[in-house]
């Protein structure tokens, strides 16, 4: 009969050494029991088994055969093979476990998956930073009280080395992503669409926590605190928040809005894998996917708020979000309803209220990819049409100018050389006498 070779662990070798010393008489049963943390009766049994079976006595019999709930070797090989293949090779262990369940029907615990991949010399690509103790800011008690907003540039598509910016917002109380929107770079349009999706999905929040980018506030804001003569105007996004009655809270450091900063680390690890699995390589396709992805993400990472009542509120029926989430600039409309904008002329479309715009009225021009260009006067929005001003009557053609040459004998050309030079012999005293005769005689 072929004898199976058994390899002992360090703990088992230590246990065997103590039992052998007890059998040899170097240790008493009580001393061996104290060293092993066992009862004296159990040590007596181990001494007998070691004398009969040798080193195999310290090995638990269950370790010599496979457990009934162990994963089949085929499943383990498949997990390792998938982890080494594209696109799973860049997924961290936690994300890879979710993808195995979603796309391959393999449900394993994280500890089991970690053990399988570690035994195959596979390490998680997500780096673990050294723990830095710090005091976390307490979450807001209700959802909708505060949203942290930001944008991050990253190479989201594996086959495309270009970086694109995702604009996002996360609720401070629940950790829920309220909206994500991708653009070529961090821009006003991206934040407008992010806020539009937030209002559509959850409602209007009470306040936003953002950095000091000029999209959110004027660069003169800090100077105005020192010099009261400095004028601070609303940015387009700041004006939008004012019309929605949303408070803007500027952060002084990235750590202050750490919740959204940590969100980017998670998404930069997960989204490139999700895009690669679904073959998403364009911004439009990514935005369509992100619109529904946030719900799967929230179900995994969101927490319950301290108070159940939400502070998100829906916009009123008379509020048109499109006319708020747009760029507004002031222009003067002439008596014919014509105004100039972006080096082009537009005219207010004739309608029931178009006649209420007085000549030289200051109106607001609304521009947005949603509706193009419109005109707003006292809360009423008018459609506009392209206007081509009539061409002016051309001025009569002038006769061509013919230059006339100056003759050589003309005094204009050589007058100084032809004129006879006058020689004056009067002295200064003679000149004063002449002036006295002229002025004094006339006065007499």
Protein backbone atom coordinates (compact mmCIF):
# COMPACT_ATOMS: atom_id res chain seq x y z
CA UNK A 1 0.00 0.00 0.00
CA UNK A 2 1.38 3.36 -1.08
CA UNK A 3 1.84 5.71 1.87
CA UNK A 4 0.76 9.32 1.36
CA UNK A 5 3.37 11.96 2.03
CA UNK A 6 2.18 14.49 4.60
CA UNK A 7 3.74 17.95 4.93
CA UNK A 8 3.40 19.50 8.35
CA UNK A 9 2.88 23.15 9.06
CA UNK A 10 4.98 25.13 11.53
CA UNK A 11 2.26 24.85 14.16
CA UNK A 12 1.98 21.08 13.70
CA UNK A 13 5.76 20.65 13.92
CA UNK A 14 5.80 22.57 17.20
CA UNK A 15 2.98 20.42 18.54
CA UNK A 16 4.80 17.22 17.54
CA UNK A 17 8.01 18.36 19.22
CA UNK A 18 6.26 18.99 22.55
CA UNK A 19 4.49 15.60 22.46
CA UNK A 20 7.76 13.80 21.66
CA UNK A 21 9.44 15.53 24.62
CA UNK A 22 6.54 14.45 26.83
CA UNK A 23 6.89 10.84 25.62
CA UNK A 24 10.64 11.01 26.29
CA UNK A 25 10.08 12.25 29.85
CA UNK A 26 11.59 15.73 29.38
CA UNK A 27 8.16 17.33 30.00
CA UNK A 28 5.35 16.36 32.31
CA UNK A 29 1.78 16.02 31.04
CA UNK A 30 0.79 19.19 32.88
CA UNK A 31 3.66 21.18 31.31
CA UNK A 32 2.82 19.90 27.84
CA UNK A 33 -0.88 20.72 28.34
CA UNK A 34 0.01 24.26 29.44
CA UNK A 35 2.32 24.78 26.43
CA UNK A 36 -0.27 23.53 23.93
CA UNK A 37 -3.33 25.05 25.58
CA UNK A 38 -4.98 21.64 25.86
CA UNK A 39 -6.33 19.55 28.70
CA UNK A 40 -4.14 16.90 30.32
CA UNK A 41 -6.52 14.21 29.12
CA UNK A 42 -6.12 15.39 25.50
CA UNK A 43 -2.33 15.35 25.88
CA UNK A 44 -2.48 11.75 27.11
CA UNK A 45 -4.42 10.81 23.95
CA UNK A 46 -1.94 12.63 21.71
CA UNK A 47 1.02 10.87 23.36
CA UNK A 48 -0.55 7.50 22.62
CA UNK A 49 -1.39 8.40 18.99
CA UNK A 50 2.11 9.71 18.31
CA UNK A 51 3.62 6.48 19.66
CA UNK A 52 1.32 4.46 17.38
CA UNK A 53 1.03 6.59 14.20
CA UNK A 54 4.04 8.87 14.36
CA UNK A 55 3.85 12.46 12.96
CA UNK A 56 0.48 11.74 11.26
CA UNK A 57 -1.15 11.85 14.68
CA UNK A 58 -0.92 15.66 14.88
CA UNK A 59 -2.61 16.16 11.50
CA UNK A 60 -6.38 16.59 11.55
CA UNK A 61 -8.04 13.88 9.48
CA UNK A 62 -10.38 16.32 7.76
CA UNK A 63 -7.38 18.09 6.20
CA UNK A 64 -6.51 14.94 4.25
CA UNK A 65 -9.59 15.07 2.02
CA UNK A 66 -11.52 17.74 0.16
CA UNK A 67 -14.42 19.40 1.95
CA UNK A 68 -17.91 18.71 0.63
CA UNK A 69 -18.54 22.43 -0.05
CA UNK A 70 -15.20 23.10 -1.76
CA UNK A 71 -15.21 24.60 -5.26
CA UNK A 72 -14.52 22.15 -8.08
CA UNK A 73 -11.07 22.40 -9.61
CA UNK A 74 -12.67 23.29 -12.97
CA UNK A 75 -14.34 26.34 -11.41
CA UNK A 76 -11.10 27.44 -9.77
CA UNK A 77 -9.24 27.12 -13.08
CA UNK A 78 -11.96 29.13 -14.83
CA UNK A 79 -11.77 31.92 -12.22
CA UNK A 80 -8.00 32.17 -12.57
CA UNK A 81 -8.22 32.08 -16.37
CA UNK A 82 -10.84 34.84 -16.46
CA UNK A 83 -8.84 37.05 -14.10
CA UNK A 84 -5.81 36.81 -16.37
CA UNK A 85 -7.84 37.64 -19.51
CA UNK A 86 -8.88 41.01 -20.88
CA UNK A 87 -10.75 43.06 -19.60
CA UNK A 88 -10.79 41.47 -16.12
CA UNK A 89 -7.03 41.76 -15.65
CA UNK A 90 -7.35 45.38 -14.43
CA UNK A 91 -10.37 44.76 -12.17
CA UNK A 92 -9.80 44.73 -8.42
CA UNK A 93 -10.85 41.63 -6.46
CA UNK A 94 -14.10 43.08 -5.11
CA UNK A 95 -15.20 44.30 -8.53
CA UNK A 96 -14.10 41.03 -10.17
CA UNK A 97 -16.28 39.08 -7.72
CA UNK A 98 -19.32 41.15 -8.76
CA UNK A 99 -18.52 40.63 -12.47
CA UNK A 100 -18.22 36.85 -11.97
CA UNK A 101 -21.70 36.74 -10.49
CA UNK A 102 -23.23 39.11 -13.08
CA UNK A 103 -21.73 37.75 -16.29
CA UNK A 104 -20.67 34.14 -15.52
CA UNK A 105 -23.00 32.98 -12.74
CA UNK A 106 -20.12 32.16 -10.37
CA UNK A 107 -20.96 33.16 -6.79
CA UNK A 108 -18.07 32.98 -4.34
CA UNK A 109 -17.26 34.86 -1.17
CA UNK A 110 -14.60 37.53 -1.20
CA UNK A 111 -12.35 35.53 1.14
CA UNK A 112 -12.59 32.45 -1.12
CA UNK A 113 -11.86 34.51 -4.22
CA UNK A 114 -8.94 36.24 -2.54
CA UNK A 115 -7.51 32.87 -1.47
CA UNK A 116 -7.87 31.42 -5.00
CA UNK A 117 -6.22 34.37 -6.72
CA UNK A 118 -3.51 34.76 -4.10
CA UNK A 119 -2.57 31.07 -4.46
CA UNK A 120 -2.26 31.72 -8.20
CA UNK A 121 0.16 34.63 -7.50
CA UNK A 122 -2.37 37.24 -8.67
CA UNK A 123 -2.43 40.51 -6.79
CA UNK A 124 -5.19 43.10 -6.79
CA UNK A 125 -4.29 46.05 -9.07
CA UNK A 126 -5.84 48.52 -6.66
CA UNK A 127 -3.14 49.97 -4.45
CA UNK A 128 -3.71 50.16 -0.73
CA UNK A 129 -2.53 53.38 0.83
CA UNK A 130 -1.14 53.43 4.33
CA UNK A 131 -3.83 54.32 6.82
CA UNK A 132 -3.79 57.96 7.85
CA UNK A 133 -5.76 58.66 11.01
CA UNK A 134 -7.88 61.77 10.72
CA UNK A 135 -11.20 63.01 11.98
CA UNK A 136 -13.95 62.57 9.41
CA UNK A 137 -16.61 65.20 9.01
CA UNK A 138 -19.98 63.95 10.15
CA UNK A 139 -22.50 63.21 7.41
CA UNK A 140 -25.50 65.46 6.96
CA UNK A 141 -28.58 63.90 8.61
CA UNK A 142 -30.93 64.06 5.58
CA UNK A 143 -30.61 63.30 1.90
CA UNK A 144 -30.60 66.41 -0.30
CA UNK A 145 -29.12 68.75 2.30
CA UNK A 146 -25.69 68.77 0.63
CA UNK A 147 -24.31 67.44 -2.65
CA UNK A 148 -20.58 67.29 -3.29
CA UNK A 149 -19.85 68.00 -6.98
CA UNK A 150 -16.66 67.72 -8.99
CA UNK A 151 -15.20 66.54 -12.31
CA UNK A 152 -12.23 64.29 -13.00
CA UNK A 153 -10.20 63.76 -16.21
CA UNK A 154 -9.23 60.13 -16.84
CA UNK A 155 -8.57 57.66 -19.66
CA UNK A 156 -11.90 55.84 -19.34
CA UNK A 157 -11.66 53.86 -22.60
CA UNK A 158 -8.82 51.31 -22.66
CA UNK A 159 -8.24 51.38 -26.41
CA UNK A 160 -8.39 55.17 -26.52
CA UNK A 161 -5.55 56.95 -24.76
CA UNK A 162 -7.46 60.24 -24.60
CA UNK A 163 -8.67 61.64 -21.31
CA UNK A 164 -12.29 62.66 -20.84
CA UNK A 165 -13.93 64.31 -17.82
CA UNK A 166 -16.85 62.85 -15.91
CA UNK A 167 -18.92 65.38 -13.97
CA UNK A 168 -20.57 63.89 -10.90
CA UNK A 169 -22.50 64.62 -7.72
CA UNK A 170 -22.76 62.50 -4.58
CA UNK A 171 -25.16 62.99 -1.69
CA UNK A 172 -23.35 63.65 1.58
CA UNK A 173 -25.91 61.90 3.79
CA UNK A 174 -26.37 58.65 1.85
CA UNK A 175 -23.32 58.37 -0.43
CA UNK A 176 -25.65 57.98 -3.41
CA UNK A 177 -24.48 59.17 -6.82
CA UNK A 178 -27.19 61.50 -8.05
CA UNK A 179 -25.80 61.93 -11.59
CA UNK A 180 -22.78 61.30 -13.84
CA UNK A 181 -22.10 62.96 -17.19
CA UNK A 182 -19.04 62.71 -19.46
CA UNK A 183 -17.60 65.49 -21.63
CA UNK A 184 -14.33 66.10 -23.45
CA UNK A 185 -13.16 68.30 -20.57
CA UNK A 186 -14.46 69.97 -17.43
CA UNK A 187 -16.94 72.55 -18.68
CA UNK A 188 -20.14 74.45 -17.93
CA UNK A 189 -22.22 72.17 -20.19
CA UNK A 190 -21.09 69.11 -18.23
CA UNK A 191 -22.17 70.62 -14.91
CA UNK A 192 -25.47 71.78 -16.40
CA UNK A 193 -26.27 68.24 -17.61
CA UNK A 194 -25.14 66.74 -14.31
CA UNK A 195 -27.50 69.06 -12.43
CA UNK A 196 -30.29 68.36 -14.94
CA UNK A 197 -30.00 64.61 -14.33
CA UNK A 198 -29.88 65.17 -10.56
CA UNK A 199 -33.12 67.16 -10.64
CA UNK A 200 -34.75 64.54 -12.89
CA UNK A 201 -33.64 61.59 -10.73
CA UNK A 202 -34.03 63.00 -7.21
CA UNK A 203 -35.00 66.68 -7.22
CA UNK A 204 -33.45 70.06 -6.39
CA UNK A 205 -30.95 69.88 -3.49
CA UNK A 206 -30.56 72.47 -0.77
CA UNK A 207 -26.84 73.20 -1.31
CA UNK A 208 -23.80 72.24 -3.39
CA UNK A 209 -20.26 71.77 -2.10
CA UNK A 210 -17.76 72.52 -4.90
CA UNK A 211 -14.21 73.73 -5.42
CA UNK A 212 -13.30 77.32 -6.36
CA UNK A 213 -13.28 76.80 -10.11
CA UNK A 214 -14.30 79.87 -12.11
CA UNK A 215 -17.29 77.88 -13.38
CA UNK A 216 -18.79 78.19 -9.89
CA UNK A 217 -17.67 81.63 -8.73
CA UNK A 218 -16.01 84.78 -10.04
CA UNK A 219 -12.22 85.08 -9.62
CA UNK A 220 -12.88 88.47 -7.99
CA UNK A 221 -14.69 86.87 -5.05
CA UNK A 222 -11.63 86.75 -2.80
CA UNK A 223 -10.49 90.26 -3.80
CA UNK A 224 -13.92 91.67 -2.98
CA UNK A 225 -13.53 90.54 0.64
CA UNK A 226 -10.55 92.87 0.94
CA UNK A 227 -11.53 95.66 -1.46
CA UNK A 228 -15.22 96.61 -1.39
CA UNK A 229 -14.89 98.51 -4.66
CA UNK A 230 -14.30 95.28 -6.62
CA UNK A 231 -17.42 94.14 -8.46
CA UNK A 232 -18.36 90.47 -8.24
CA UNK A 233 -20.80 89.15 -10.84
CA UNK A 234 -22.50 85.78 -10.87
CA UNK A 235 -21.11 83.13 -13.17
CA UNK A 236 -23.59 81.35 -15.41
CA UNK A 237 -23.65 78.36 -13.05
CA UNK A 238 -23.89 80.65 -10.01
CA UNK A 239 -26.83 82.47 -11.60
CA UNK A 240 -28.48 79.12 -12.27
CA UNK A 241 -28.13 78.06 -8.61
CA UNK A 242 -29.55 81.41 -7.49
CA UNK A 243 -32.63 80.92 -9.66
CA UNK A 244 -33.07 77.42 -8.22
CA UNK A 245 -32.55 78.72 -4.63
CA UNK A 246 -29.55 76.40 -4.15
CA UNK A 247 -26.73 77.55 -1.86
CA UNK A 248 -23.17 77.22 -3.17
CA UNK A 249 -20.53 76.35 -0.56
CA UNK A 250 -16.94 76.74 -1.86
CA UNK A 251 -14.38 74.25 -0.52
CA UNK A 252 -10.87 75.39 0.35
CA UNK A 253 -9.14 72.05 -0.31
CA UNK A 254 -9.79 68.70 -2.05
CA UNK A 255 -9.79 66.99 1.36
CA UNK A 256 -12.78 69.10 2.40
CA UNK A 257 -14.93 67.34 -0.19
CA UNK A 258 -13.28 63.98 0.36
CA UNK A 259 -16.44 61.95 -0.34
CA UNK A 260 -16.54 62.88 -4.02
CA UNK A 261 -12.74 62.62 -4.28
CA UNK A 262 -12.86 59.02 -3.01
CA UNK A 263 -15.70 58.34 -5.43
CA UNK A 264 -13.40 59.08 -8.36
CA UNK A 265 -10.90 56.51 -7.12
CA UNK A 266 -13.62 53.86 -7.09
CA UNK A 267 -15.02 54.79 -10.50
CA UNK A 268 -11.59 54.99 -12.13
CA UNK A 269 -11.05 51.39 -11.04
CA UNK A 270 -14.48 50.09 -12.11
CA UNK A 271 -15.78 52.06 -15.08
CA UNK A 272 -12.99 51.22 -17.59
CA UNK A 273 -13.72 47.52 -17.01
CA UNK A 274 -17.49 48.07 -17.33
CA UNK A 275 -16.98 50.01 -20.57
CA UNK A 276 -14.66 47.35 -22.01
CA UNK A 277 -17.10 44.50 -21.24
CA UNK A 278 -19.92 46.32 -23.05
CA UNK A 279 -17.77 47.61 -25.91
CA UNK A 280 -18.41 51.27 -25.04
CA UNK A 281 -15.88 53.54 -26.76
CA UNK A 282 -17.73 56.84 -27.31
CA UNK A 283 -18.91 59.65 -25.04
CA UNK A 284 -22.56 59.33 -26.14
CA UNK A 285 -22.64 55.59 -25.41
CA UNK A 286 -20.92 56.18 -22.06
CA UNK A 287 -23.49 58.82 -21.02
CA UNK A 288 -26.33 56.49 -21.93
CA UNK A 289 -24.80 53.74 -19.77
CA UNK A 290 -24.00 56.09 -16.86
CA UNK A 291 -27.64 57.14 -16.66
CA UNK A 292 -28.58 53.67 -15.34
CA UNK A 293 -25.25 52.56 -13.86
CA UNK A 294 -25.63 54.89 -10.88
CA UNK A 295 -28.53 52.79 -9.52
CA UNK A 296 -26.45 49.59 -9.51
CA UNK A 297 -23.61 51.49 -7.85
CA UNK A 298 -25.90 52.99 -5.21
CA UNK A 299 -27.41 49.61 -4.33
CA UNK A 300 -23.88 48.39 -3.54
CA UNK A 301 -22.38 51.37 -1.69
CA UNK A 302 -25.15 53.71 -0.46
CA UNK A 303 -26.01 53.91 3.24
CA UNK A 304 -29.14 54.84 5.15
CA UNK A 305 -29.38 58.49 6.28
CA UNK A 306 -29.84 59.44 9.89
CA UNK A 307 -33.30 60.87 9.14
CA UNK A 308 -35.60 59.29 6.57
CA UNK A 309 -37.19 62.53 5.32
CA UNK A 310 -35.55 63.69 2.09
CA UNK A 311 -34.77 67.36 1.51
CA UNK A 312 -34.82 67.03 -2.28
CA UNK A 313 -37.77 68.95 -3.69
CA UNK A 314 -39.32 68.72 -7.12
CA UNK A 315 -39.46 71.85 -9.32
CA UNK A 316 -42.80 73.61 -9.55
CA UNK A 317 -45.04 73.15 -12.58
CA UNK A 318 -44.43 76.68 -13.89
CA UNK A 319 -40.62 76.27 -13.65
CA UNK A 320 -38.98 75.32 -16.93
CA UNK A 321 -35.60 73.76 -16.11
CA UNK A 322 -34.37 74.22 -19.70
CA UNK A 323 -34.75 78.00 -19.37
CA UNK A 324 -32.64 77.94 -16.19
CA UNK A 325 -29.89 75.50 -17.19
CA UNK A 326 -28.70 77.67 -20.07
CA UNK A 327 -26.43 80.62 -20.80
CA UNK A 328 -28.06 84.04 -20.39
CA UNK A 329 -26.62 87.25 -21.81
CA UNK A 330 -28.14 90.75 -22.00
CA UNK A 331 -28.86 92.45 -25.33
CA UNK A 332 -30.80 95.55 -26.49
CA UNK A 333 -33.72 95.00 -28.89
CA UNK A 334 -34.53 97.78 -31.34
CA UNK A 335 -37.97 99.05 -32.38
CA UNK A 336 -38.29 96.33 -35.01
CA UNK A 337 -37.62 93.51 -32.56
CA UNK A 338 -34.12 92.91 -33.95
CA UNK A 339 -31.02 92.29 -31.86
CA UNK A 340 -27.45 91.25 -32.50
CA UNK A 341 -25.86 88.20 -30.91
CA UNK A 342 -22.63 86.38 -31.69
CA UNK A 343 -22.01 88.50 -34.83
CA UNK A 344 -25.45 87.59 -36.24
CA UNK A 345 -28.81 89.32 -36.29
CA UNK A 346 -32.04 87.82 -34.96
CA UNK A 347 -35.63 88.99 -34.87
CA UNK A 348 -38.36 88.18 -32.37
CA UNK A 349 -40.98 85.91 -33.92
CA UNK A 350 -44.39 87.55 -34.28
CA UNK A 351 -46.83 86.34 -31.63
CA UNK A 352 -49.46 87.34 -29.12
CA UNK A 353 -46.95 88.97 -26.75
CA UNK A 354 -44.24 90.06 -29.14
CA UNK A 355 -45.64 93.63 -29.24
CA UNK A 356 -45.05 94.12 -25.51
CA UNK A 357 -41.28 94.50 -26.01
CA UNK A 358 -40.64 98.27 -26.11
CA UNK A 359 -37.91 99.85 -28.29
CA UNK A 360 -34.38 99.72 -26.87
CA UNK A 361 -35.48 97.24 -24.19
CA UNK A 362 -32.83 95.26 -22.35
CA UNK A 363 -33.65 91.58 -22.79
CA UNK A 364 -31.89 88.29 -22.01
CA UNK A 365 -30.76 85.99 -24.76
CA UNK A 366 -31.00 82.30 -23.77
CA UNK A 367 -28.71 79.79 -25.49
CA UNK A 368 -28.68 76.04 -24.96
CA UNK A 369 -28.11 72.86 -27.01
CA UNK A 370 -31.63 71.86 -25.97
CA UNK A 371 -33.51 74.68 -27.76
CA UNK A 372 -30.96 76.86 -29.57
CA UNK A 373 -31.52 80.61 -29.10
CA UNK A 374 -34.49 82.33 -27.45
CA UNK A 375 -35.24 85.79 -26.05
CA UNK A 376 -36.60 86.46 -22.55
CA UNK A 377 -38.30 89.67 -21.43
CA UNK A 378 -39.91 90.00 -18.00
CA UNK A 379 -40.13 86.23 -17.58
CA UNK A 380 -41.74 85.63 -20.98
CA UNK A 381 -39.69 83.62 -23.48
CA UNK A 382 -39.98 84.39 -27.21
CA UNK A 383 -38.85 82.39 -30.20
CA UNK A 384 -36.45 84.15 -32.55
CA UNK A 385 -35.70 83.89 -36.25
CA UNK A 386 -32.59 84.54 -38.25
CA UNK A 387 -32.66 88.06 -39.63
CA UNK A 388 -30.70 89.29 -42.64
CA UNK A 389 -30.48 93.11 -42.63
CA UNK A 390 -31.23 94.78 -46.02
CA UNK A 391 -28.18 95.72 -47.99
CA UNK A 392 -27.32 99.40 -48.07
CA UNK A 393 -27.45 101.33 -51.37
CA UNK A 394 -23.93 101.46 -52.74
CA UNK A 395 -22.32 104.90 -52.86
CA UNK A 396 -21.74 106.43 -56.33
CA UNK A 397 -18.41 105.59 -57.84
CA UNK A 398 -15.83 108.35 -57.60
CA UNK A 399 -13.81 109.48 -60.57
CA UNK A 400 -10.34 108.08 -60.50
CA UNK A 401 -7.81 110.50 -59.12
CA UNK A 402 -5.22 111.73 -61.58
CA UNK A 403 -2.12 113.22 -59.99
CA UNK A 404 -0.84 116.49 -61.49
CA UNK A 405 2.87 117.11 -61.74
CA UNK A 406 4.45 120.39 -60.60
CA UNK A 407 6.52 122.21 -63.31
CA UNK A 408 10.17 122.68 -62.58
CA UNK A 409 9.92 126.49 -62.80
CA UNK A 410 7.05 126.70 -60.29
CA UNK A 411 7.97 128.61 -57.08
CA UNK A 412 6.31 125.81 -55.01
CA UNK A 413 9.07 123.45 -56.07
CA UNK A 414 12.13 125.68 -55.91
CA UNK A 415 10.71 128.82 -54.24
CA UNK A 416 13.33 129.13 -51.58
CA UNK A 417 16.19 128.98 -54.02
CA UNK A 418 14.60 131.47 -56.51
CA UNK A 419 13.47 134.11 -53.98
CA UNK A 420 15.77 137.05 -53.30
CA UNK A 421 17.02 136.98 -49.78
CA UNK A 422 16.19 140.12 -47.74
CA UNK A 423 18.92 141.63 -45.65
CA UNK A 424 17.82 143.60 -42.63
CA UNK A 425 20.24 146.03 -41.10
CA UNK A 426 18.03 147.28 -38.25
CA UNK A 427 19.16 146.79 -34.73
CA UNK A 428 16.98 145.83 -31.78
CA UNK A 429 16.70 149.47 -30.73
CA UNK A 430 15.36 150.49 -34.16
CA UNK A 431 12.72 147.73 -33.97
CA UNK A 432 11.56 148.92 -30.52
CA UNK A 433 11.31 152.50 -31.84
CA UNK A 434 9.17 151.34 -34.76
CA UNK A 435 6.82 149.45 -32.42
CA UNK A 436 6.46 152.48 -30.15
CA UNK A 437 5.52 154.71 -33.10
CA UNK A 438 2.91 152.24 -34.33
CA UNK A 439 1.15 151.58 -31.03
CA UNK A 440 1.62 154.87 -29.17
CA UNK A 441 0.51 157.07 -32.06
CA UNK A 442 -2.65 155.05 -32.52
CA UNK A 443 -3.50 155.29 -28.86
CA UNK A 444 -2.91 159.09 -28.94
